[in-house]
PDB file of all heavy atoms in Angstrom:
ATOM      1  N   GLY A   1      95.830  94.755 159.600  1.00  0.00           N
ATOM      2  CA  GLY A   1      96.207  95.260 158.313  1.00  0.00           C
ATOM      3  C   GLY A   1      95.459  94.582 157.105  1.00  0.00           C
ATOM      4  O   GLY A   1      95.267  93.367 157.086  1.00  0.00           O
ATOM      5  N   TYR A   2      94.993  95.368 156.297  1.00  0.00           N
ATOM      6  CA  TYR A   2      94.399  94.974 155.046  1.00  0.00           C
ATOM      7  C   TYR A   2      94.890  95.926 153.910  1.00  0.00           C
ATOM      8  O   TYR A   2      95.279  97.030 154.186  1.00  0.00           O
ATOM      9  CB  TYR A   2      92.814  95.169 155.124  1.00  0.00           C
ATOM     10  CG  TYR A   2      92.079  94.185 156.119  1.00  0.00           C
ATOM     11  CD1 TYR A   2      91.850  94.521 157.412  1.00  0.00           C
ATOM     12  CD2 TYR A   2      91.752  93.002 155.536  1.00  0.00           C
ATOM     13  CE1 TYR A   2      91.313  93.665 158.229  1.00  0.00           C
ATOM     14  CE2 TYR A   2      91.050  92.015 156.387  1.00  0.00           C
ATOM     15  CZ  TYR A   2      90.878  92.420 157.705  1.00  0.00           C
ATOM     16  OH  TYR A   2      90.280  91.492 158.522  1.00  0.00           O
ATOM     17  N   ALA A   3      94.931  95.561 152.678  1.00  0.00           N
ATOM     18  CA  ALA A   3      94.387  94.391 152.097  1.00  0.00           C
ATOM     19  C   ALA A   3      95.456  93.247 152.414  1.00  0.00           C
ATOM     20  O   ALA A   3      96.582  93.441 152.832  1.00  0.00           O
ATOM     21  CB  ALA A   3      94.423  94.538 150.516  1.00  0.00           C
ATOM     22  N   ARG A   4      95.000  91.957 152.094  1.00  0.00           N
ATOM     23  CA  ARG A   4      95.767  90.831 152.355  1.00  0.00           C
ATOM     24  C   ARG A   4      96.059  89.981 151.157  1.00  0.00           C
ATOM     25  O   ARG A   4      95.275  90.124 150.156  1.00  0.00           O
ATOM     26  CB  ARG A   4      95.212  90.005 153.490  1.00  0.00           C
ATOM     27  CG  ARG A   4      95.179  90.697 154.896  1.00  0.00           C
ATOM     28  CD  ARG A   4      94.456  89.796 155.882  1.00  0.00           C
ATOM     29  NE  ARG A   4      94.555  90.509 157.166  1.00  0.00           N
ATOM     30  CZ  ARG A   4      94.074  90.069 158.337  1.00  0.00           C
ATOM     31  NH1 ARG A   4      93.354  88.950 158.203  1.00  0.00           N
ATOM     32  NH2 ARG A   4      94.191  90.720 159.467  1.00  0.00           N
ATOM     33  N   THR A   5      97.028  89.223 151.199  1.00  0.00           N
ATOM     34  CA  THR A   5      97.485  88.293 150.117  1.00  0.00           C
ATOM     35  C   THR A   5      97.199  86.836 150.561  1.00  0.00           C
ATOM     36  O   THR A   5      97.731  86.345 151.576  1.00  0.00           O
ATOM     37  CB  THR A   5      98.808  88.501 149.687  1.00  0.00           C
ATOM     38  OG1 THR A   5      99.118  89.816 149.374  1.00  0.00           O
ATOM     39  CG2 THR A   5      99.180  87.563 148.506  1.00  0.00           C
ATOM     40  N   TYR A   6      96.323  86.133 149.814  1.00  0.00           N
ATOM     41  CA  TYR A   6      96.206  84.677 150.084  1.00  0.00           C
ATOM     42  C   TYR A   6      96.963  83.971 148.986  1.00  0.00           C
ATOM     43  O   TYR A   6      96.989  84.300 147.841  1.00  0.00           O
ATOM     44  CB  TYR A   6      94.668  84.253 149.984  1.00  0.00           C
ATOM     45  CG  TYR A   6      93.870  84.755 151.164  1.00  0.00           C
ATOM     46  CD1 TYR A   6      93.363  85.992 151.113  1.00  0.00           C
ATOM     47  CD2 TYR A   6      93.780  83.985 152.366  1.00  0.00           C
ATOM     48  CE1 TYR A   6      92.501  86.492 152.238  1.00  0.00           C
ATOM     49  CE2 TYR A   6      93.113  84.383 153.357  1.00  0.00           C
ATOM     50  CZ  TYR A   6      92.400  85.578 153.313  1.00  0.00           C
ATOM     51  OH  TYR A   6      91.787  85.981 154.454  1.00  0.00           O
ATOM     52  N   PHE A   7      97.667  82.935 149.359  1.00  0.00           N
ATOM     53  CA  PHE A   7      98.522  82.059 148.438  1.00  0.00           C
ATOM     54  C   PHE A   7      98.354  80.569 148.725  1.00  0.00           C
ATOM     55  O   PHE A   7      97.847  80.197 149.742  1.00  0.00           O
ATOM     56  CB  PHE A   7      99.973  82.473 148.569  1.00  0.00           C
ATOM     57  CG  PHE A   7     100.487  82.168 150.017  1.00  0.00           C
ATOM     58  CD1 PHE A   7     101.120  80.939 150.291  1.00  0.00           C
ATOM     59  CD2 PHE A   7     100.545  83.145 150.943  1.00  0.00           C
ATOM     60  CE1 PHE A   7     101.618  80.738 151.604  1.00  0.00           C
ATOM     61  CE2 PHE A   7     101.152  82.952 152.246  1.00  0.00           C
ATOM     62  CZ  PHE A   7     101.660  81.725 152.548  1.00  0.00           C
ATOM     63  N   ARG A   8      98.578  79.865 147.578  1.00  0.00           N
ATOM     64  CA  ARG A   8      98.319  78.431 147.637  1.00  0.00           C
ATOM     65  C   ARG A   8      99.236  77.787 148.626  1.00  0.00           C
ATOM     66  O   ARG A   8     100.511  78.167 148.592  1.00  0.00           O
ATOM     67  CB  ARG A   8      98.487  77.811 146.211  1.00  0.00           C
ATOM     68  CG  ARG A   8      98.094  76.280 146.097  1.00  0.00           C
ATOM     69  CD  ARG A   8      98.051  75.909 144.687  1.00  0.00           C
ATOM     70  NE  ARG A   8      99.252  76.059 144.006  1.00  0.00           N
ATOM     71  CZ  ARG A   8      99.441  75.792 142.779  1.00  0.00           C
ATOM     72  NH1 ARG A   8      98.414  75.483 141.955  1.00  0.00           N
ATOM     73  NH2 ARG A   8     100.640  75.892 142.080  1.00  0.00           N
ATOM     74  N   SER A   9      98.770  76.848 149.432  1.00  0.00           N
ATOM     75  CA  SER A   9      99.680  76.214 150.391  1.00  0.00           C
ATOM     76  C   SER A   9      99.426  74.685 150.357  1.00  0.00           C
ATOM     77  O   SER A   9      98.320  74.277 150.044  1.00  0.00           O
ATOM     78  CB  SER A   9      99.378  76.753 151.823  1.00  0.00           C
ATOM     79  OG  SER A   9     100.096  76.033 152.859  1.00  0.00           O
ATOM     80  N   SER A  10     100.399  73.964 150.725  1.00  0.00           N
ATOM     81  CA  SER A  10     100.184  72.404 150.820  1.00  0.00           C
ATOM     82  C   SER A  10      99.600  71.995 152.103  1.00  0.00           C
ATOM     83  O   SER A  10      99.483  70.829 152.324  1.00  0.00           O
ATOM     84  CB  SER A  10     101.643  71.856 150.669  1.00  0.00           C
ATOM     85  OG  SER A  10     102.617  72.312 151.690  1.00  0.00           O
ATOM     86  N   THR A  11      99.482  72.997 153.056  1.00  0.00           N
ATOM     87  CA  THR A  11      98.938  72.580 154.376  1.00  0.00           C
ATOM     88  C   THR A  11      97.894  73.616 154.896  1.00  0.00           C
ATOM     89  O   THR A  11      97.987  74.857 154.548  1.00  0.00           O
ATOM     90  CB  THR A  11     100.079  72.536 155.493  1.00  0.00           C
ATOM     91  OG1 THR A  11      99.402  72.188 156.830  1.00  0.00           O
ATOM     92  CG2 THR A  11     100.832  73.665 155.541  1.00  0.00           C
ATOM     93  N   ASP A  12      96.927  73.158 155.578  1.00  0.00           N
ATOM     94  CA  ASP A  12      95.922  74.087 156.276  1.00  0.00           C
ATOM     95  C   ASP A  12      96.388  74.448 157.690  1.00  0.00           C
ATOM     96  O   ASP A  12      95.656  75.196 158.365  1.00  0.00           O
ATOM     97  CB  ASP A  12      94.609  73.443 156.304  1.00  0.00           C
ATOM     98  CG  ASP A  12      93.908  73.346 154.963  1.00  0.00           C
ATOM     99  OD1 ASP A  12      94.249  74.086 154.183  1.00  0.00           O
ATOM    100  OD2 ASP A  12      93.082  72.337 154.827  1.00  0.00           O
ATOM    101  N   SER A  13      97.525  73.950 158.124  1.00  0.00           N
ATOM    102  CA  SER A  13      97.977  74.173 159.543  1.00  0.00           C
ATOM    103  C   SER A  13      99.036  75.289 159.461  1.00  0.00           C
ATOM    104  O   SER A  13     100.112  75.078 158.801  1.00  0.00           O
ATOM    105  CB  SER A  13      98.628  72.919 160.044  1.00  0.00           C
ATOM    106  OG  SER A  13      99.218  73.168 161.289  1.00  0.00           O
ATOM    107  N   PRO A  14      98.775  76.409 160.072  1.00  0.00           N
ATOM    108  CA  PRO A  14      99.740  77.520 160.064  1.00  0.00           C
ATOM    109  C   PRO A  14     101.113  77.084 160.623  1.00  0.00           C
ATOM    110  O   PRO A  14     102.250  77.440 160.078  1.00  0.00           O
ATOM    111  CB  PRO A  14      99.117  78.578 160.864  1.00  0.00           C
ATOM    112  CG  PRO A  14      97.707  78.337 160.914  1.00  0.00           C
ATOM    113  CD  PRO A  14      97.532  76.730 160.724  1.00  0.00           C
ATOM    114  N   GLY A  15     101.170  76.157 161.593  1.00  0.00           N
ATOM    115  CA  GLY A  15     102.303  75.666 162.153  1.00  0.00           C
ATOM    116  C   GLY A  15     103.238  74.871 161.286  1.00  0.00           C
ATOM    117  O   GLY A  15     104.346  74.604 161.423  1.00  0.00           O
ATOM    118  N   GLY A  16     102.414  74.230 160.299  1.00  0.00           N
ATOM    119  CA  GLY A  16     103.126  73.203 159.392  1.00  0.00           C
ATOM    120  C   GLY A  16     103.658  73.999 158.069  1.00  0.00           C
ATOM    121  O   GLY A  16     104.283  73.347 157.319  1.00  0.00           O
ATOM    122  N   LEU A  17     103.365  75.282 158.000  1.00  0.00           N
ATOM    123  CA  LEU A  17     103.778  76.111 156.698  1.00  0.00           C
ATOM    124  C   LEU A  17     105.273  76.287 156.883  1.00  0.00           C
ATOM    125  O   LEU A  17     105.882  76.717 157.785  1.00  0.00           O
ATOM    126  CB  LEU A  17     103.066  77.425 156.748  1.00  0.00           C
ATOM    127  CG  LEU A  17     103.353  78.272 155.487  1.00  0.00           C
ATOM    128  CD1 LEU A  17     102.946  77.630 154.223  1.00  0.00           C
ATOM    129  CD2 LEU A  17     102.717  79.549 155.621  1.00  0.00           C
ATOM    130  N   GLN A  18     105.977  75.974 155.678  1.00  0.00           N
ATOM    131  CA  GLN A  18     107.424  76.257 155.573  1.00  0.00           C
ATOM    132  C   GLN A  18     107.616  77.586 154.770  1.00  0.00           C
ATOM    133  O   GLN A  18     106.892  77.813 153.770  1.00  0.00           O
ATOM    134  CB  GLN A  18     108.048  75.093 154.773  1.00  0.00           C
ATOM    135  CG  GLN A  18     107.930  73.641 155.490  1.00  0.00           C
ATOM    136  CD  GLN A  18     108.578  73.661 156.767  1.00  0.00           C
ATOM    137  OE1 GLN A  18     109.792  74.130 156.881  1.00  0.00           O
ATOM    138  NE2 GLN A  18     107.944  73.199 157.842  1.00  0.00           N
ATOM    139  N   ILE A  19     108.522  78.379 155.278  1.00  0.00           N
ATOM    140  CA  ILE A  19     108.796  79.664 154.602  1.00  0.00           C
ATOM    141  C   ILE A  19     109.146  79.487 153.105  1.00  0.00           C
ATOM    142  O   ILE A  19     108.674  80.244 152.255  1.00  0.00           O
ATOM    143  CB  ILE A  19     109.859  80.349 155.378  1.00  0.00           C
ATOM    144  CG1 ILE A  19     109.324  80.810 156.766  1.00  0.00           C
ATOM    145  CG2 ILE A  19     110.371  81.590 154.579  1.00  0.00           C
ATOM    146  CD1 ILE A  19     110.430  81.511 157.590  1.00  0.00           C
ATOM    147  N   ALA A  20     109.957  78.429 152.885  1.00  0.00           N
ATOM    148  CA  ALA A  20     110.396  78.187 151.500  1.00  0.00           C
ATOM    149  C   ALA A  20     109.113  77.979 150.524  1.00  0.00           C
ATOM    150  O   ALA A  20     109.094  78.388 149.415  1.00  0.00           O
ATOM    151  CB  ALA A  20     111.329  77.088 151.421  1.00  0.00           C
ATOM    152  N   ASP A  21     108.117  77.216 151.113  1.00  0.00           N
ATOM    153  CA  ASP A  21     107.037  76.914 150.319  1.00  0.00           C
ATOM    154  C   ASP A  21     106.164  78.226 150.076  1.00  0.00           C
ATOM    155  O   ASP A  21     105.551  78.375 148.994  1.00  0.00           O
ATOM    156  CB  ASP A  21     106.038  75.901 151.012  1.00  0.00           C
ATOM    157  CG  ASP A  21     106.733  74.548 151.065  1.00  0.00           C
ATOM    158  OD1 ASP A  21     107.643  74.297 150.275  1.00  0.00           O
ATOM    159  OD2 ASP A  21     106.362  73.782 152.064  1.00  0.00           O
ATOM    160  N   ALA A  22     106.015  79.076 151.114  1.00  0.00           N
ATOM    161  CA  ALA A  22     105.292  80.323 150.908  1.00  0.00           C
ATOM    162  C   ALA A  22     106.005  81.176 149.950  1.00  0.00           C
ATOM    163  O   ALA A  22     105.311  81.756 148.972  1.00  0.00           O
ATOM    164  CB  ALA A  22     105.188  81.008 152.184  1.00  0.00           C
ATOM    165  N   VAL A  23     107.296  81.264 149.909  1.00  0.00           N
ATOM    166  CA  VAL A  23     108.050  82.061 148.974  1.00  0.00           C
ATOM    167  C   VAL A  23     107.836  81.565 147.556  1.00  0.00           C
ATOM    168  O   VAL A  23     107.707  82.304 146.598  1.00  0.00           O
ATOM    169  CB  VAL A  23     109.557  82.118 149.356  1.00  0.00           C
ATOM    170  CG1 VAL A  23     110.293  82.799 148.245  1.00  0.00           C
ATOM    171  CG2 VAL A  23     109.791  82.914 150.656  1.00  0.00           C
ATOM    172  N   SER A  24     107.944  80.154 147.413  1.00  0.00           N
ATOM    173  CA  SER A  24     107.792  79.663 146.113  1.00  0.00           C
ATOM    174  C   SER A  24     106.381  79.852 145.503  1.00  0.00           C
ATOM    175  O   SER A  24     106.196  80.163 144.414  1.00  0.00           O
ATOM    176  CB  SER A  24     108.070  78.058 146.231  1.00  0.00           C
ATOM    177  OG  SER A  24     107.840  77.424 144.989  1.00  0.00           O
ATOM    178  N   SER A  25     105.357  79.815 146.381  1.00  0.00           N
ATOM    179  CA  SER A  25     104.068  79.985 145.957  1.00  0.00           C
ATOM    180  C   SER A  25     103.751  81.497 145.488  1.00  0.00           C
ATOM    181  O   SER A  25     103.210  81.658 144.413  1.00  0.00           O
ATOM    182  CB  SER A  25     103.043  79.683 147.114  1.00  0.00           C
ATOM    183  OG  SER A  25     101.693  79.660 146.582  1.00  0.00           O
ATOM    184  N   ILE A  26     104.299  82.389 146.221  1.00  0.00           N
ATOM    185  CA  ILE A  26     104.219  83.882 145.832  1.00  0.00           C
ATOM    186  C   ILE A  26     104.936  84.016 144.701  1.00  0.00           C
ATOM    187  O   ILE A  26     104.415  84.745 143.645  1.00  0.00           O
ATOM    188  CB  ILE A  26     104.791  84.760 146.973  1.00  0.00           C
ATOM    189  CG1 ILE A  26     103.826  84.662 148.177  1.00  0.00           C
ATOM    190  CG2 ILE A  26     104.806  86.204 146.417  1.00  0.00           C
ATOM    191  CD1 ILE A  26     102.459  85.202 148.038  1.00  0.00           C
ATOM    192  N   ARG A  27     106.153  83.619 144.461  1.00  0.00           N
ATOM    193  CA  ARG A  27     106.951  83.717 143.277  1.00  0.00           C
ATOM    194  C   ARG A  27     106.309  83.193 142.029  1.00  0.00           C
ATOM    195  O   ARG A  27     106.356  83.690 140.890  1.00  0.00           O
ATOM    196  CB  ARG A  27     108.421  83.213 143.341  1.00  0.00           C
ATOM    197  CG  ARG A  27     109.289  84.019 144.192  1.00  0.00           C
ATOM    198  CD  ARG A  27     110.632  83.356 144.312  1.00  0.00           C
ATOM    199  NE  ARG A  27     111.662  84.304 144.876  1.00  0.00           N
ATOM    200  CZ  ARG A  27     112.798  83.978 145.395  1.00  0.00           C
ATOM    201  NH1 ARG A  27     113.145  82.673 145.374  1.00  0.00           N
ATOM    202  NH2 ARG A  27     113.621  84.898 145.764  1.00  0.00           N
ATOM    203  N   GLY A  28     105.526  82.031 142.289  1.00  0.00           N
ATOM    204  CA  GLY A  28     104.784  81.412 141.174  1.00  0.00           C
ATOM    205  C   GLY A  28     103.575  81.961 140.811  1.00  0.00           C
ATOM    206  O   GLY A  28     102.842  81.626 139.803  1.00  0.00           O
ATOM    207  N   GLY A  29     103.038  83.158 141.563  1.00  0.00           N
ATOM    208  CA  GLY A  29     101.863  83.747 141.148  1.00  0.00           C
ATOM    209  C   GLY A  29     100.575  83.013 141.643  1.00  0.00           C
ATOM    210  O   GLY A  29      99.517  83.355 141.183  1.00  0.00           O
ATOM    211  N   HIS A  30     100.734  82.079 142.507  1.00  0.00           N
ATOM    212  CA  HIS A  30      99.606  81.298 143.004  1.00  0.00           C
ATOM    213  C   HIS A  30      98.926  82.033 144.137  1.00  0.00           C
ATOM    214  O   HIS A  30      98.929  81.538 145.282  1.00  0.00           O
ATOM    215  CB  HIS A  30     100.113  79.864 143.408  1.00  0.00           C
ATOM    216  CG  HIS A  30     101.043  79.202 142.546  1.00  0.00           C
ATOM    217  ND1 HIS A  30     100.689  79.103 141.254  1.00  0.00           N
ATOM    218  CD2 HIS A  30     102.140  78.686 142.694  1.00  0.00           C
ATOM    219  CE1 HIS A  30     101.640  78.467 140.575  1.00  0.00           C
ATOM    220  NE2 HIS A  30     102.612  78.104 141.472  1.00  0.00           N
ATOM    221  N   ALA A  31      98.347  83.190 143.888  1.00  0.00           N
ATOM    222  CA  ALA A  31      97.918  84.120 144.988  1.00  0.00           C
ATOM    223  C   ALA A  31      96.889  85.039 144.444  1.00  0.00           C
ATOM    224  O   ALA A  31      96.605  85.279 143.186  1.00  0.00           O
ATOM    225  CB  ALA A  31      99.115  84.965 145.515  1.00  0.00           C
ATOM    226  N   LEU A  32      96.058  85.688 145.413  1.00  0.00           N
ATOM    227  CA  LEU A  32      95.151  86.722 145.077  1.00  0.00           C
ATOM    228  C   LEU A  32      95.248  87.766 146.188  1.00  0.00           C
ATOM    229  O   LEU A  32      95.599  87.435 147.367  1.00  0.00           O
ATOM    230  CB  LEU A  32      93.708  86.173 144.956  1.00  0.00           C
ATOM    231  CG  LEU A  32      93.011  85.780 146.262  1.00  0.00           C
ATOM    232  CD1 LEU A  32      91.541  86.195 146.236  1.00  0.00           C
ATOM    233  CD2 LEU A  32      93.205  84.219 146.418  1.00  0.00           C
ATOM    234  N   ALA A  33      94.869  89.031 145.859  1.00  0.00           N
ATOM    235  CA  ALA A  33      94.848  90.148 146.806  1.00  0.00           C
ATOM    236  C   ALA A  33      93.391  90.427 147.144  1.00  0.00           C
ATOM    237  O   ALA A  33      92.603  90.462 146.150  1.00  0.00           O
ATOM    238  CB  ALA A  33      95.665  91.366 146.286  1.00  0.00           C
ATOM    239  N   THR A  34      93.089  90.665 148.350  1.00  0.00           N
ATOM    240  CA  THR A  34      91.771  90.829 148.757  1.00  0.00           C
ATOM    241  C   THR A  34      91.571  91.664 150.001  1.00  0.00           C
ATOM    242  O   THR A  34      92.382  91.628 150.825  1.00  0.00           O
ATOM    243  CB  THR A  34      91.005  89.508 148.914  1.00  0.00           C
ATOM    244  OG1 THR A  34      89.603  89.646 149.211  1.00  0.00           O
ATOM    245  CG2 THR A  34      91.657  88.616 150.027  1.00  0.00           C
ATOM    246  N   THR A  35      90.321  92.355 150.038  1.00  0.00           N
ATOM    247  CA  THR A  35      90.003  93.016 151.220  1.00  0.00           C
ATOM    248  C   THR A  35      88.995  92.206 152.121  1.00  0.00           C
ATOM    249  O   THR A  35      88.661  92.329 153.200  1.00  0.00           O
ATOM    250  CB  THR A  35      89.205  94.308 151.079  1.00  0.00           C
ATOM    251  OG1 THR A  35      87.949  93.957 150.278  1.00  0.00           O
ATOM    252  CG2 THR A  35      90.096  95.261 150.294  1.00  0.00           C
ATOM    253  N   GLY A  36      88.564  90.985 151.473  1.00  0.00           N
ATOM    254  CA  GLY A  36      87.595  90.134 152.164  1.00  0.00           C
ATOM    255  C   GLY A  36      87.176  88.896 151.278  1.00  0.00           C
ATOM    256  O   GLY A  36      87.265  87.709 151.657  1.00  0.00           O
ATOM    257  N   PRO A  37      86.688  89.094 149.964  1.00  0.00           N
ATOM    258  CA  PRO A  37      86.191  88.012 149.126  1.00  0.00           C
ATOM    259  C   PRO A  37      87.343  87.022 148.876  1.00  0.00           C
ATOM    260  O   PRO A  37      88.559  87.385 148.799  1.00  0.00           O
ATOM    261  CB  PRO A  37      85.746  88.612 147.839  1.00  0.00           C
ATOM    262  CG  PRO A  37      85.537  90.075 148.242  1.00  0.00           C
ATOM    263  CD  PRO A  37      86.509  90.403 149.303  1.00  0.00           C
ATOM    264  N   PHE A  38      86.922  85.693 148.774  1.00  0.00           N
ATOM    265  CA  PHE A  38      87.882  84.707 148.435  1.00  0.00           C
ATOM    266  C   PHE A  38      87.510  84.011 147.130  1.00  0.00           C
ATOM    267  O   PHE A  38      86.381  83.597 146.974  1.00  0.00           O
ATOM    268  CB  PHE A  38      87.890  83.590 149.497  1.00  0.00           C
ATOM    269  CG  PHE A  38      89.010  82.634 149.469  1.00  0.00           C
ATOM    270  CD1 PHE A  38      90.261  82.996 149.888  1.00  0.00           C
ATOM    271  CD2 PHE A  38      88.876  81.424 148.889  1.00  0.00           C
ATOM    272  CE1 PHE A  38      91.414  82.094 149.845  1.00  0.00           C
ATOM    273  CE2 PHE A  38      89.893  80.550 148.744  1.00  0.00           C
ATOM    274  CZ  PHE A  38      91.173  80.837 149.257  1.00  0.00           C
ATOM    275  N   VAL A  39      88.400  84.037 146.214  1.00  0.00           N
ATOM    276  CA  VAL A  39      88.087  83.511 144.778  1.00  0.00           C
ATOM    277  C   VAL A  39      88.926  82.404 144.538  1.00  0.00           C
ATOM    278  O   VAL A  39      90.186  82.277 144.740  1.00  0.00           O
ATOM    279  CB  VAL A  39      88.482  84.693 143.819  1.00  0.00           C
ATOM    280  CG1 VAL A  39      88.118  84.147 142.321  1.00  0.00           C
ATOM    281  CG2 VAL A  39      87.818  85.982 144.108  1.00  0.00           C
ATOM    282  N   ARG A  40      88.322  81.345 143.992  1.00  0.00           N
ATOM    283  CA  ARG A  40      88.899  80.092 143.508  1.00  0.00           C
ATOM    284  C   ARG A  40      88.535  79.990 142.085  1.00  0.00           C
ATOM    285  O   ARG A  40      87.382  80.155 141.575  1.00  0.00           O
ATOM    286  CB  ARG A  40      88.322  78.815 144.158  1.00  0.00           C
ATOM    287  CG  ARG A  40      88.709  78.718 145.603  1.00  0.00           C
ATOM    288  CD  ARG A  40      88.333  77.427 146.206  1.00  0.00           C
ATOM    289  NE  ARG A  40      88.409  77.313 147.635  1.00  0.00           N
ATOM    290  CZ  ARG A  40      89.472  76.840 148.231  1.00  0.00           C
ATOM    291  NH1 ARG A  40      90.509  76.382 147.461  1.00  0.00           N
ATOM    292  NH2 ARG A  40      89.565  76.788 149.546  1.00  0.00           N
ATOM    293  N   ALA A  41      89.537  79.801 141.111  1.00  0.00           N
ATOM    294  CA  ALA A  41      89.324  79.616 139.684  1.00  0.00           C
ATOM    295  C   ALA A  41      90.309  78.565 139.168  1.00  0.00           C
ATOM    296  O   ALA A  41      91.431  78.675 139.461  1.00  0.00           O
ATOM    297  CB  ALA A  41      89.408  81.016 138.983  1.00  0.00           C
ATOM    298  N   THR A  42      89.775  77.714 138.354  1.00  0.00           N
ATOM    299  CA  THR A  42      90.699  76.726 137.695  1.00  0.00           C
ATOM    300  C   THR A  42      90.157  76.479 136.267  1.00  0.00           C
ATOM    301  O   THR A  42      88.984  76.504 135.881  1.00  0.00           O
ATOM    302  CB  THR A  42      90.554  75.374 138.475  1.00  0.00           C
ATOM    303  OG1 THR A  42      89.195  74.838 138.482  1.00  0.00           O
ATOM    304  CG2 THR A  42      91.134  75.458 139.869  1.00  0.00           C
ATOM    305  N   ILE A  43      91.240  76.204 135.530  1.00  0.00           N
ATOM    306  CA  ILE A  43      91.057  75.797 134.064  1.00  0.00           C
ATOM    307  C   ILE A  43      91.773  74.504 133.846  1.00  0.00           C
ATOM    308  O   ILE A  43      93.052  74.598 134.050  1.00  0.00           O
ATOM    309  CB  ILE A  43      91.507  76.788 133.019  1.00  0.00           C
ATOM    310  CG1 ILE A  43      90.773  78.217 133.216  1.00  0.00           C
ATOM    311  CG2 ILE A  43      91.294  76.418 131.598  1.00  0.00           C
ATOM    312  CD1 ILE A  43      91.247  79.298 132.349  1.00  0.00           C
ATOM    313  N   LYS A  44      91.145  73.438 133.565  1.00  0.00           N
ATOM    314  CA  LYS A  44      91.838  72.108 133.534  1.00  0.00           C
ATOM    315  C   LYS A  44      92.606  71.870 134.792  1.00  0.00           C
ATOM    316  O   LYS A  44      93.796  71.347 134.669  1.00  0.00           O
ATOM    317  CB  LYS A  44      92.810  72.044 132.245  1.00  0.00           C
ATOM    318  CG  LYS A  44      91.941  72.044 130.922  1.00  0.00           C
ATOM    319  CD  LYS A  44      92.966  71.865 129.758  1.00  0.00           C
ATOM    320  CE  LYS A  44      92.296  71.769 128.424  1.00  0.00           C
ATOM    321  NZ  LYS A  44      93.257  71.674 127.316  1.00  0.00           N
ATOM    322  N   LYS A  45      92.061  72.186 135.919  1.00  0.00           N
ATOM    323  CA  LYS A  45      92.597  72.006 137.279  1.00  0.00           C
ATOM    324  C   LYS A  45      93.846  72.870 137.469  1.00  0.00           C
ATOM    325  O   LYS A  45      94.522  72.737 138.469  1.00  0.00           O
ATOM    326  CB  LYS A  45      93.015  70.496 137.424  1.00  0.00           C
ATOM    327  CG  LYS A  45      91.783  69.652 137.435  1.00  0.00           C
ATOM    328  CD  LYS A  45      92.232  68.153 137.736  1.00  0.00           C
ATOM    329  CE  LYS A  45      90.983  67.286 137.705  1.00  0.00           C
ATOM    330  NZ  LYS A  45      91.256  65.861 138.044  1.00  0.00           N
TER     331      LYS A  45
END
């Protein structure tokens, strides 16, 4: 399935991801939608 949503996570381990953390990240807008490219952007961190 594509497109996909990438969201900010506190862990790089899929097994360590908590559902509540994923929901909080999506609700907070800490995400991007993509077919492939990965974008990082920060202003004052």
